[in-house]
């Protein structure tokens, strides 16, 4: 998440909570999508999210609202990646969780 913040110029020390930090990143991502929607995939690759099979939105939502399903999905992807399972994309280029 810190790498995502750096990518969008959001510094965690400027925020009192992780949730407010995540919200700031979410706002920056949304603004970036309006300017350059195709560049999101490049950022996801730079952050390694493509290897986890999760989107930038999933990452941000997991921080903003940890009680929602995105947090569980991100946790599962991280655990699976750490165990070395599921690191091969399917025929569509997607990584399974």
PDB file of N, CA and C in Angstrom:
ATOM      1  N   UNK A   1       0.818  -1.187   0.000  1.00  0.00           N
ATOM      2  CA  UNK A   1       0.000   0.000   0.000  1.00  0.00           C
ATOM      3  C   UNK A   1       0.867   1.258   0.000  1.00  0.00           C
ATOM      4  N   UNK A   2       1.994   1.191   0.708  1.00  0.00           N
ATOM      5  CA  UNK A   2       2.890   2.350   0.716  1.00  0.00           C
ATOM      6  C   UNK A   2       3.436   2.631  -0.676  1.00  0.00           C
ATOM      7  N   UNK A   3       3.745   1.570  -1.419  1.00  0.00           N
ATOM      8  CA  UNK A   3       4.239   1.761  -2.785  1.00  0.00           C
ATOM      9  C   UNK A   3       3.165   2.400  -3.657  1.00  0.00           C
ATOM     10  N   UNK A   4       1.911   2.010  -3.448  1.00  0.00           N
ATOM     11  CA  UNK A   4       0.813   2.617  -4.199  1.00  0.00           C
ATOM     12  C   UNK A   4       0.697   4.093  -3.836  1.00  0.00           C
ATOM     13  N   UNK A   5       0.824   4.400  -2.547  1.00  0.00           N
ATOM     14  CA  UNK A   5       0.778   5.788  -2.124  1.00  0.00           C
ATOM     15  C   UNK A   5       1.870   6.617  -2.774  1.00  0.00           C
ATOM     16  N   UNK A   6       3.071   6.068  -2.793  1.00  0.00           N
ATOM     17  CA  UNK A   6       4.188   6.781  -3.426  1.00  0.00           C
ATOM     18  C   UNK A   6       3.925   7.000  -4.905  1.00  0.00           C
ATOM     19  N   UNK A   7       3.364   5.997  -5.556  1.00  0.00           N
ATOM     20  CA  UNK A   7       3.072   6.092  -6.992  1.00  0.00           C
ATOM     21  C   UNK A   7       2.136   7.267  -7.285  1.00  0.00           C
ATOM     22  N   UNK A   8       1.233   7.548  -6.334  1.00  0.00           N
ATOM     23  CA  UNK A   8       0.250   8.613  -6.546  1.00  0.00           C
ATOM     24  C   UNK A   8       0.550   9.873  -5.724  1.00  0.00           C
ATOM     25  N   UNK A   9       1.747   9.931  -5.126  1.00  0.00           N
ATOM     26  CA  UNK A   9       2.156  11.125  -4.395  1.00  0.00           C
ATOM     27  C   UNK A   9       1.422  11.331  -3.081  1.00  0.00           C
ATOM     28  N   UNK A  10       1.005  10.244  -2.445  1.00  0.00           N
ATOM     29  CA  UNK A  10       0.288  10.327  -1.175  1.00  0.00           C
ATOM     30  C   UNK A  10       1.205   9.777  -0.087  1.00  0.00           C
ATOM     31  N   UNK A  11       1.492  10.599   0.919  1.00  0.00           N
ATOM     32  CA  UNK A  11       2.408  10.223   1.996  1.00  0.00           C
ATOM     33  C   UNK A  11       1.605   9.826   3.237  1.00  0.00           C
ATOM     34  N   UNK A  12       1.853   8.627   3.728  1.00  0.00           N
ATOM     35  CA  UNK A  12       1.093   8.093   4.857  1.00  0.00           C
ATOM     36  C   UNK A  12       1.237   8.953   6.113  1.00  0.00           C
ATOM     37  N   UNK A  13       2.371   9.605   6.291  1.00  0.00           N
ATOM     38  CA  UNK A  13       2.575  10.415   7.496  1.00  0.00           C
ATOM     39  C   UNK A  13       1.663  11.641   7.537  1.00  0.00           C
ATOM     40  N   UNK A  14       1.029  11.979   6.430  1.00  0.00           N
ATOM     41  CA  UNK A  14       0.109  13.112   6.380  1.00  0.00           C
ATOM     42  C   UNK A  14      -1.285  12.760   6.888  1.00  0.00           C
ATOM     43  N   UNK A  15      -1.510  11.500   7.255  1.00  0.00           N
ATOM     44  CA  UNK A  15      -2.847  11.036   7.633  1.00  0.00           C
ATOM     45  C   UNK A  15      -2.834  10.395   9.011  1.00  0.00           C
ATOM     46  N   UNK A  16      -3.924  10.591   9.736  1.00  0.00           N
ATOM     47  CA  UNK A  16      -4.018  10.087  11.105  1.00  0.00           C
ATOM     48  C   UNK A  16      -4.367   8.607  11.185  1.00  0.00           C
ATOM     49  N   UNK A  17      -5.005   8.084  10.156  1.00  0.00           N
ATOM     50  CA  UNK A  17      -5.399   6.672  10.185  1.00  0.00           C
ATOM     51  C   UNK A  17      -5.100   6.007   8.852  1.00  0.00           C
ATOM     52  N   UNK A  18      -5.023   4.705   8.897  1.00  0.00           N
ATOM     53  CA  UNK A  18      -4.802   3.939   7.677  1.00  0.00           C
ATOM     54  C   UNK A  18      -5.987   4.109   6.733  1.00  0.00           C
ATOM     55  N   UNK A  19      -7.175   4.177   7.310  1.00  0.00           N
ATOM     56  CA  UNK A  19      -8.371   4.348   6.491  1.00  0.00           C
ATOM     57  C   UNK A  19      -8.359   5.684   5.744  1.00  0.00           C
ATOM     58  N   UNK A  20      -7.978   6.752   6.421  1.00  0.00           N
ATOM     59  CA  UNK A  20      -7.933   8.050   5.739  1.00  0.00           C
ATOM     60  C   UNK A  20      -6.820   8.077   4.690  1.00  0.00           C
ATOM     61  N   UNK A  21      -5.718   7.393   4.969  1.00  0.00           N
ATOM     62  CA  UNK A  21      -4.635   7.252   3.994  1.00  0.00           C
ATOM     63  C   UNK A  21      -5.145   6.497   2.768  1.00  0.00           C
ATOM     64  N   UNK A  22      -5.839   5.398   3.001  1.00  0.00           N
ATOM     65  CA  UNK A  22      -6.407   4.623   1.904  1.00  0.00           C
ATOM     66  C   UNK A  22      -7.401   5.434   1.093  1.00  0.00           C
ATOM     67  N   UNK A  23      -8.210   6.238   1.776  1.00  0.00           N
ATOM     68  CA  UNK A  23      -9.181   7.086   1.074  1.00  0.00           C
ATOM     69  C   UNK A  23      -8.476   8.111   0.185  1.00  0.00           C
ATOM     70  N   UNK A  24      -7.369   8.656   0.673  1.00  0.00           N
ATOM     71  CA  UNK A  24      -6.611   9.619  -0.136  1.00  0.00           C
ATOM     72  C   UNK A  24      -6.044   8.948  -1.386  1.00  0.00           C
ATOM     73  N   UNK A  25      -5.542   7.738  -1.223  1.00  0.00           N
ATOM     74  CA  UNK A  25      -5.033   6.998  -2.387  1.00  0.00           C
ATOM     75  C   UNK A  25      -6.174   6.688  -3.341  1.00  0.00           C
ATOM     76  N   UNK A  26      -7.310   6.281  -2.789  1.00  0.00           N
ATOM     77  CA  UNK A  26      -8.472   5.972  -3.631  1.00  0.00           C
ATOM     78  C   UNK A  26      -8.867   7.197  -4.455  1.00  0.00           C
ATOM     79  N   UNK A  27      -8.903   8.366  -3.834  1.00  0.00           N
ATOM     80  CA  UNK A  27      -9.229   9.592  -4.562  1.00  0.00           C
ATOM     81  C   UNK A  27      -8.203   9.881  -5.651  1.00  0.00           C
ATOM     82  N   UNK A  28      -6.928   9.657  -5.343  1.00  0.00           N
ATOM     83  CA  UNK A  28      -5.878   9.875  -6.339  1.00  0.00           C
ATOM     84  C   UNK A  28      -6.007   8.894  -7.500  1.00  0.00           C
ATOM     85  N   UNK A  29      -6.334   7.645  -7.191  1.00  0.00           N
ATOM     86  CA  UNK A  29      -6.514   6.628  -8.240  1.00  0.00           C
ATOM     87  C   UNK A  29      -7.689   7.012  -9.134  1.00  0.00           C
ATOM     88  N   UNK A  30      -8.794   7.418  -8.514  1.00  0.00           N
ATOM     89  CA  UNK A  30      -9.976   7.801  -9.302  1.00  0.00           C
ATOM     90  C   UNK A  30      -9.667   8.985 -10.220  1.00  0.00           C
ATOM     91  N   UNK A  31      -8.939   9.967  -9.723  1.00  0.00           N
ATOM     92  CA  UNK A  31      -8.561  11.116 -10.544  1.00  0.00           C
ATOM     93  C   UNK A  31      -7.648  10.675 -11.690  1.00  0.00           C
ATOM     94  N   UNK A  32      -6.723   9.763 -11.390  1.00  0.00           N
ATOM     95  CA  UNK A  32      -5.805   9.264 -12.411  1.00  0.00           C
ATOM     96  C   UNK A  32      -6.557   8.486 -13.485  1.00  0.00           C
ATOM     97  N   UNK A  33      -7.553   7.706 -13.064  1.00  0.00           N
ATOM     98  CA  UNK A  33      -8.354   6.940 -14.031  1.00  0.00           C
ATOM     99  C   UNK A  33      -9.061   7.865 -15.012  1.00  0.00           C
ATOM    100  N   UNK A  34      -9.523   9.002 -14.522  1.00  0.00           N
ATOM    101  CA  UNK A  34     -10.204   9.951 -15.419  1.00  0.00           C
ATOM    102  C   UNK A  34      -9.232  10.533 -16.437  1.00  0.00           C
ATOM    103  N   UNK A  35      -7.978  10.712 -16.031  1.00  0.00           N
ATOM    104  CA  UNK A  35      -6.973  11.290 -16.924  1.00  0.00           C
ATOM    105  C   UNK A  35      -6.379  10.259 -17.874  1.00  0.00           C
ATOM    106  N   UNK A  36      -6.097   9.074 -17.353  1.00  0.00           N
ATOM    107  CA  UNK A  36      -5.389   8.069 -18.145  1.00  0.00           C
ATOM    108  C   UNK A  36      -5.803   6.656 -17.727  1.00  0.00           C
ATOM    109  N   UNK A  37      -7.004   6.228 -18.115  1.00  0.00           N
ATOM    110  CA  UNK A  37      -7.501   4.919 -17.677  1.00  0.00           C
ATOM    111  C   UNK A  37      -6.606   3.751 -18.084  1.00  0.00           C
ATOM    112  N   UNK A  38      -5.954   3.849 -19.205  1.00  0.00           N
ATOM    113  CA  UNK A  38      -5.129   2.734 -19.681  1.00  0.00           C
ATOM    114  C   UNK A  38      -3.843   2.582 -18.867  1.00  0.00           C
ATOM    115  N   UNK A  39      -3.427   3.629 -18.178  1.00  0.00           N
ATOM    116  CA  UNK A  39      -2.187   3.571 -17.408  1.00  0.00           C
ATOM    117  C   UNK A  39      -2.335   2.798 -16.097  1.00  0.00           C
ATOM    118  N   UNK A  40      -3.557   2.529 -15.670  1.00  0.00           N
ATOM    119  CA  UNK A  40      -3.774   1.785 -14.421  1.00  0.00           C
ATOM    120  C   UNK A  40      -3.147   0.396 -14.512  1.00  0.00           C
ATOM    121  N   UNK A  41      -3.293  -0.274 -15.628  1.00  0.00           N
ATOM    122  CA  UNK A  41      -2.710  -1.617 -15.798  1.00  0.00           C
ATOM    123  C   UNK A  41      -1.191  -1.569 -15.655  1.00  0.00           C
ATOM    124  N   UNK A  42      -0.573  -0.527 -16.154  1.00  0.00           N
ATOM    125  CA  UNK A  42       0.882  -0.381 -16.026  1.00  0.00           C
ATOM    126  C   UNK A  42       1.270  -0.237 -14.556  1.00  0.00           C
ATOM    127  N   UNK A  43       0.534   0.542 -13.820  1.00  0.00           N
ATOM    128  CA  UNK A  43       0.814   0.730 -12.394  1.00  0.00           C
ATOM    129  C   UNK A  43       0.596  -0.580 -11.637  1.00  0.00           C
ATOM    130  N   UNK A  44      -0.453  -1.309 -11.995  1.00  0.00           N
ATOM    131  CA  UNK A  44      -0.699  -2.606 -11.353  1.00  0.00           C
ATOM    132  C   UNK A  44       0.474  -3.555 -11.589  1.00  0.00           C
ATOM    133  N   UNK A  45       1.048  -3.511 -12.786  1.00  0.00           N
ATOM    134  CA  UNK A  45       2.229  -4.342 -13.074  1.00  0.00           C
ATOM    135  C   UNK A  45       3.434  -3.865 -12.266  1.00  0.00           C
ATOM    136  N   UNK A  46       3.636  -2.567 -12.196  1.00  0.00           N
ATOM    137  CA  UNK A  46       4.769  -2.017 -11.445  1.00  0.00           C
ATOM    138  C   UNK A  46       4.690  -2.403  -9.965  1.00  0.00           C
ATOM    139  N   UNK A  47       3.492  -2.446  -9.432  1.00  0.00           N
ATOM    140  CA  UNK A  47       3.305  -2.780  -8.019  1.00  0.00           C
ATOM    141  C   UNK A  47       3.251  -4.291  -7.778  1.00  0.00           C
ATOM    142  N   UNK A  48       3.220  -5.078  -8.857  1.00  0.00           N
ATOM    143  CA  UNK A  48       3.163  -6.530  -8.722  1.00  0.00           C
ATOM    144  C   UNK A  48       1.780  -7.064  -8.447  1.00  0.00           C
ATOM    145  N   UNK A  49       0.769  -6.221  -8.573  1.00  0.00           N
ATOM    146  CA  UNK A  49      -0.598  -6.663  -8.311  1.00  0.00           C
ATOM    147  C   UNK A  49      -1.073  -7.665  -9.351  1.00  0.00           C
ATOM    148  N   UNK A  50      -0.573  -7.528 -10.573  1.00  0.00           N
ATOM    149  CA  UNK A  50      -0.948  -8.482 -11.622  1.00  0.00           C
ATOM    150  C   UNK A  50      -0.505  -9.894 -11.260  1.00  0.00           C
ATOM    151  N   UNK A  51       0.636 -10.012 -10.582  1.00  0.00           N
ATOM    152  CA  UNK A  51       1.118 -11.331 -10.164  1.00  0.00           C
ATOM    153  C   UNK A  51       0.261 -11.918  -9.047  1.00  0.00           C
ATOM    154  N   UNK A  52      -0.383 -11.053  -8.288  1.00  0.00           N
ATOM    155  CA  UNK A  52      -1.279 -11.523  -7.228  1.00  0.00           C
ATOM    156  C   UNK A  52      -2.678 -11.797  -7.756  1.00  0.00           C
ATOM    157  N   UNK A  53      -2.974 -11.279  -8.951  1.00  0.00           N
ATOM    158  CA  UNK A  53      -4.304 -11.468  -9.511  1.00  0.00           C
ATOM    159  C   UNK A  53      -5.330 -10.535  -8.895  1.00  0.00           C
ATOM    160  N   UNK A  54      -4.872  -9.398  -8.386  1.00  0.00           N
ATOM    161  CA  UNK A  54      -5.792  -8.424  -7.805  1.00  0.00           C
ATOM    162  C   UNK A  54      -5.594  -7.076  -8.489  1.00  0.00           C
ATOM    163  N   UNK A  55      -6.610  -6.266  -8.439  1.00  0.00           N
ATOM    164  CA  UNK A  55      -6.542  -4.950  -9.061  1.00  0.00           C
ATOM    165  C   UNK A  55      -6.110  -3.901  -8.045  1.00  0.00           C
ATOM    166  N   UNK A  56      -5.774  -2.757  -8.554  1.00  0.00           N
ATOM    167  CA  UNK A  56      -5.435  -1.624  -7.694  1.00  0.00           C
ATOM    168  C   UNK A  56      -6.644  -1.247  -6.846  1.00  0.00           C
ATOM    169  N   UNK A  57      -7.827  -1.325  -7.424  1.00  0.00           N
ATOM    170  CA  UNK A  57      -9.053  -1.033  -6.674  1.00  0.00           C
ATOM    171  C   UNK A  57      -9.224  -1.994  -5.501  1.00  0.00           C
ATOM    172  N   UNK A  58      -8.921  -3.266  -5.714  1.00  0.00           N
ATOM    173  CA  UNK A  58      -9.029  -4.257  -4.634  1.00  0.00           C
ATOM    174  C   UNK A  58      -8.081  -3.906  -3.504  1.00  0.00           C
ATOM    175  N   UNK A  59      -6.857  -3.545  -3.839  1.00  0.00           N
ATOM    176  CA  UNK A  59      -5.876  -3.161  -2.827  1.00  0.00           C
ATOM    177  C   UNK A  59      -6.364  -1.965  -2.022  1.00  0.00           C
ATOM    178  N   UNK A  60      -6.790  -0.932  -2.707  1.00  0.00           N
ATOM    179  CA  UNK A  60      -7.224   0.287  -2.032  1.00  0.00           C
ATOM    180  C   UNK A  60      -8.466   0.027  -1.185  1.00  0.00           C
ATOM    181  N   UNK A  61      -9.417  -0.697  -1.730  1.00  0.00           N
ATOM    182  CA  UNK A  61     -10.643  -0.992  -0.981  1.00  0.00           C
ATOM    183  C   UNK A  61     -10.361  -1.829   0.262  1.00  0.00           C
ATOM    184  N   UNK A  62      -9.368  -2.693   0.200  1.00  0.00           N
ATOM    185  CA  UNK A  62      -9.015  -3.518   1.359  1.00  0.00           C
ATOM    186  C   UNK A  62      -8.504  -2.650   2.505  1.00  0.00           C
ATOM    187  N   UNK A  63      -7.879  -1.544   2.178  1.00  0.00           N
ATOM    188  CA  UNK A  63      -7.377  -0.640   3.208  1.00  0.00           C
ATOM    189  C   UNK A  63      -8.487   0.291   3.700  1.00  0.00           C
ATOM    190  N   UNK A  64      -9.289   0.803   2.779  1.00  0.00           N
ATOM    191  CA  UNK A  64     -10.342   1.747   3.139  1.00  0.00           C
ATOM    192  C   UNK A  64     -11.438   1.066   3.958  1.00  0.00           C
ATOM    193  N   UNK A  65     -11.843  -0.125   3.533  1.00  0.00           N
ATOM    194  CA  UNK A  65     -12.919  -0.859   4.215  1.00  0.00           C
ATOM    195  C   UNK A  65     -12.477  -2.301   4.461  1.00  0.00           C
ATOM    196  N   UNK A  66     -11.648  -2.527   5.484  1.00  0.00           N
ATOM    197  CA  UNK A  66     -11.098  -3.870   5.721  1.00  0.00           C
ATOM    198  C   UNK A  66     -12.159  -4.922   6.057  1.00  0.00           C
ATOM    199  N   UNK A  67     -13.335  -4.498   6.467  1.00  0.00           N
ATOM    200  CA  UNK A  67     -14.381  -5.454   6.800  1.00  0.00           C
ATOM    201  C   UNK A  67     -15.062  -6.042   5.557  1.00  0.00           C
ATOM    202  N   UNK A  68     -14.854  -5.435   4.414  1.00  0.00           N
ATOM    203  CA  UNK A  68     -15.460  -5.924   3.175  1.00  0.00           C
ATOM    204  C   UNK A  68     -14.660  -7.079   2.590  1.00  0.00           C
ATOM    205  N   UNK A  69     -15.185  -7.701   1.581  1.00  0.00           N
ATOM    206  CA  UNK A  69     -14.590  -8.879   0.965  1.00  0.00           C
ATOM    207  C   UNK A  69     -13.251  -8.657   0.289  1.00  0.00           C
ATOM    208  N   UNK A  70     -12.942  -7.417  -0.110  1.00  0.00           N
ATOM    209  CA  UNK A  70     -11.672  -7.169  -0.787  1.00  0.00           C
ATOM    210  C   UNK A  70     -10.484  -7.488   0.111  1.00  0.00           C
ATOM    211  N   UNK A  71     -10.626  -7.254   1.402  1.00  0.00           N
ATOM    212  CA  UNK A  71      -9.543  -7.562   2.330  1.00  0.00           C
ATOM    213  C   UNK A  71      -9.278  -9.067   2.357  1.00  0.00           C
ATOM    214  N   UNK A  72     -10.342  -9.859   2.394  1.00  0.00           N
ATOM    215  CA  UNK A  72     -10.191 -11.314   2.367  1.00  0.00           C
ATOM    216  C   UNK A  72      -9.556 -11.776   1.063  1.00  0.00           C
ATOM    217  N   UNK A  73      -9.965 -11.179  -0.030  1.00  0.00           N
ATOM    218  CA  UNK A  73      -9.422 -11.553  -1.342  1.00  0.00           C
ATOM    219  C   UNK A  73      -7.932 -11.218  -1.427  1.00  0.00           C
ATOM    220  N   UNK A  74      -7.569 -10.052  -0.917  1.00  0.00           N
ATOM    221  CA  UNK A  74      -6.167  -9.655  -0.932  1.00  0.00           C
ATOM    222  C   UNK A  74      -5.342 -10.572  -0.036  1.00  0.00           C
ATOM    223  N   UNK A  75      -5.844 -10.878   1.154  1.00  0.00           N
ATOM    224  CA  UNK A  75      -5.142 -11.795   2.063  1.00  0.00           C
ATOM    225  C   UNK A  75      -4.923 -13.156   1.411  1.00  0.00           C
ATOM    226  N   UNK A  76      -5.966 -13.672   0.764  1.00  0.00           N
ATOM    227  CA  UNK A  76      -5.852 -14.974   0.104  1.00  0.00           C
ATOM    228  C   UNK A  76      -4.817 -14.938  -1.012  1.00  0.00           C
ATOM    229  N   UNK A  77      -4.813 -13.851  -1.775  1.00  0.00           N
ATOM    230  CA  UNK A  77      -3.849 -13.723  -2.877  1.00  0.00           C
ATOM    231  C   UNK A  77      -2.425 -13.650  -2.346  1.00  0.00           C
ATOM    232  N   UNK A  78      -2.220 -12.903  -1.266  1.00  0.00           N
ATOM    233  CA  UNK A  78      -0.882 -12.796  -0.685  1.00  0.00           C
ATOM    234  C   UNK A  78      -0.408 -14.134  -0.129  1.00  0.00           C
ATOM    235  N   UNK A  79      -1.288 -14.851   0.544  1.00  0.00           N
ATOM    236  CA  UNK A  79      -0.929 -16.165   1.086  1.00  0.00           C
ATOM    237  C   UNK A  79      -0.617 -17.150  -0.028  1.00  0.00           C
ATOM    238  N   UNK A  80      -1.424 -17.128  -1.065  1.00  0.00           N
ATOM    239  CA  UNK A  80      -1.219 -18.043  -2.185  1.00  0.00           C
ATOM    240  C   UNK A  80       0.097 -17.721  -2.886  1.00  0.00           C
ATOM    241  N   UNK A  81       0.378 -16.454  -3.058  1.00  0.00           N
ATOM    242  CA  UNK A  81       1.624 -16.057  -3.718  1.00  0.00           C
ATOM    243  C   UNK A  81       2.829 -16.460  -2.869  1.00  0.00           C
ATOM    244  N   UNK A  82       2.719 -16.272  -1.565  1.00  0.00           N
ATOM    245  CA  UNK A  82       3.815 -16.617  -0.661  1.00  0.00           C
ATOM    246  C   UNK A  82       4.097 -18.114  -0.664  1.00  0.00           C
ATOM    247  N   UNK A  83       3.056 -18.914  -0.879  1.00  0.00           N
ATOM    248  CA  UNK A  83       3.235 -20.364  -0.901  1.00  0.00           C
ATOM    249  C   UNK A  83       3.695 -20.867  -2.262  1.00  0.00           C
ATOM    250  N   UNK A  84       3.707 -19.969  -3.268  1.00  0.00           N
ATOM    251  CA  UNK A  84       4.150 -20.351  -4.602  1.00  0.00           C
ATOM    252  C   UNK A  84       3.074 -20.992  -5.448  1.00  0.00           C
ATOM    253  N   UNK A  85       1.841 -21.027  -4.933  1.00  0.00           N
ATOM    254  CA  UNK A  85       0.741 -21.617  -5.696  1.00  0.00           C
ATOM    255  C   UNK A  85       0.084 -20.553  -6.564  1.00  0.00           C
ATOM    256  N   UNK A  86      -0.461 -20.976  -7.655  1.00  0.00           N
ATOM    257  CA  UNK A  86      -1.245 -20.087  -8.490  1.00  0.00           C
ATOM    258  C   UNK A  86      -0.452 -18.986  -9.160  1.00  0.00           C
ATOM    259  N   UNK A  87       0.844 -19.200  -9.342  1.00  0.00           N
ATOM    260  CA  UNK A  87       1.631 -18.135  -9.938  1.00  0.00           C
ATOM    261  C   UNK A  87       1.732 -18.244 -11.451  1.00  0.00           C
ATOM    262  N   UNK A  88       0.915 -19.060 -12.040  1.00  0.00           N
ATOM    263  CA  UNK A  88       0.866 -19.185 -13.492  1.00  0.00           C
ATOM    264  C   UNK A  88      -0.476 -18.658 -13.994  1.00  0.00           C
ATOM    265  N   UNK A  89      -0.472 -17.775 -14.976  1.00  0.00           N
ATOM    266  CA  UNK A  89      -1.741 -17.248 -15.493  1.00  0.00           C
ATOM    267  C   UNK A  89      -2.481 -18.298 -16.316  1.00  0.00           C
ATOM    268  N   UNK A  90      -3.806 -18.155 -16.363  1.00  0.00           N
ATOM    269  CA  UNK A  90      -4.600 -19.051 -17.201  1.00  0.00           C
ATOM    270  C   UNK A  90      -4.538 -18.558 -18.641  1.00  0.00           C
ATOM    271  N   UNK A  91      -5.362 -19.139 -19.520  1.00  0.00           N
ATOM    272  CA  UNK A  91      -5.296 -18.798 -20.939  1.00  0.00           C
ATOM    273  C   UNK A  91      -5.676 -17.339 -21.234  1.00  0.00           C
ATOM    274  N   UNK A  92      -6.353 -16.681 -20.293  1.00  0.00           N
ATOM    275  CA  UNK A  92      -6.707 -15.270 -20.471  1.00  0.00           C
ATOM    276  C   UNK A  92      -5.672 -14.330 -19.859  1.00  0.00           C
ATOM    277  N   UNK A  93      -4.649 -14.916 -19.227  1.00  0.00           N
ATOM    278  CA  UNK A  93      -3.628 -14.102 -18.586  1.00  0.00           C
ATOM    279  C   UNK A  93      -3.969 -13.700 -17.182  1.00  0.00           C
ATOM    280  N   UNK A  94      -5.016 -14.343 -16.599  1.00  0.00           N
ATOM    281  CA  UNK A  94      -5.425 -14.026 -15.237  1.00  0.00           C
ATOM    282  C   UNK A  94      -4.836 -15.028 -14.272  1.00  0.00           C
ATOM    283  N   UNK A  95      -4.569 -14.570 -13.086  1.00  0.00           N
ATOM    284  CA  UNK A  95      -4.020 -15.433 -12.047  1.00  0.00           C
ATOM    285  C   UNK A  95      -5.172 -15.885 -11.165  1.00  0.00           C
ATOM    286  N   UNK A  96      -5.225 -17.167 -10.886  1.00  0.00           N
ATOM    287  CA  UNK A  96      -6.333 -17.683 -10.082  1.00  0.00           C
ATOM    288  C   UNK A  96      -6.066 -17.482  -8.609  1.00  0.00           C
ATOM    289  N   UNK A  97      -7.144 -17.388  -7.839  1.00  0.00           N
ATOM    290  CA  UNK A  97      -7.054 -17.252  -6.388  1.00  0.00           C
ATOM    291  C   UNK A  97      -7.674 -18.442  -5.719  1.00  0.00           C
TER     292      UNK A  97
END
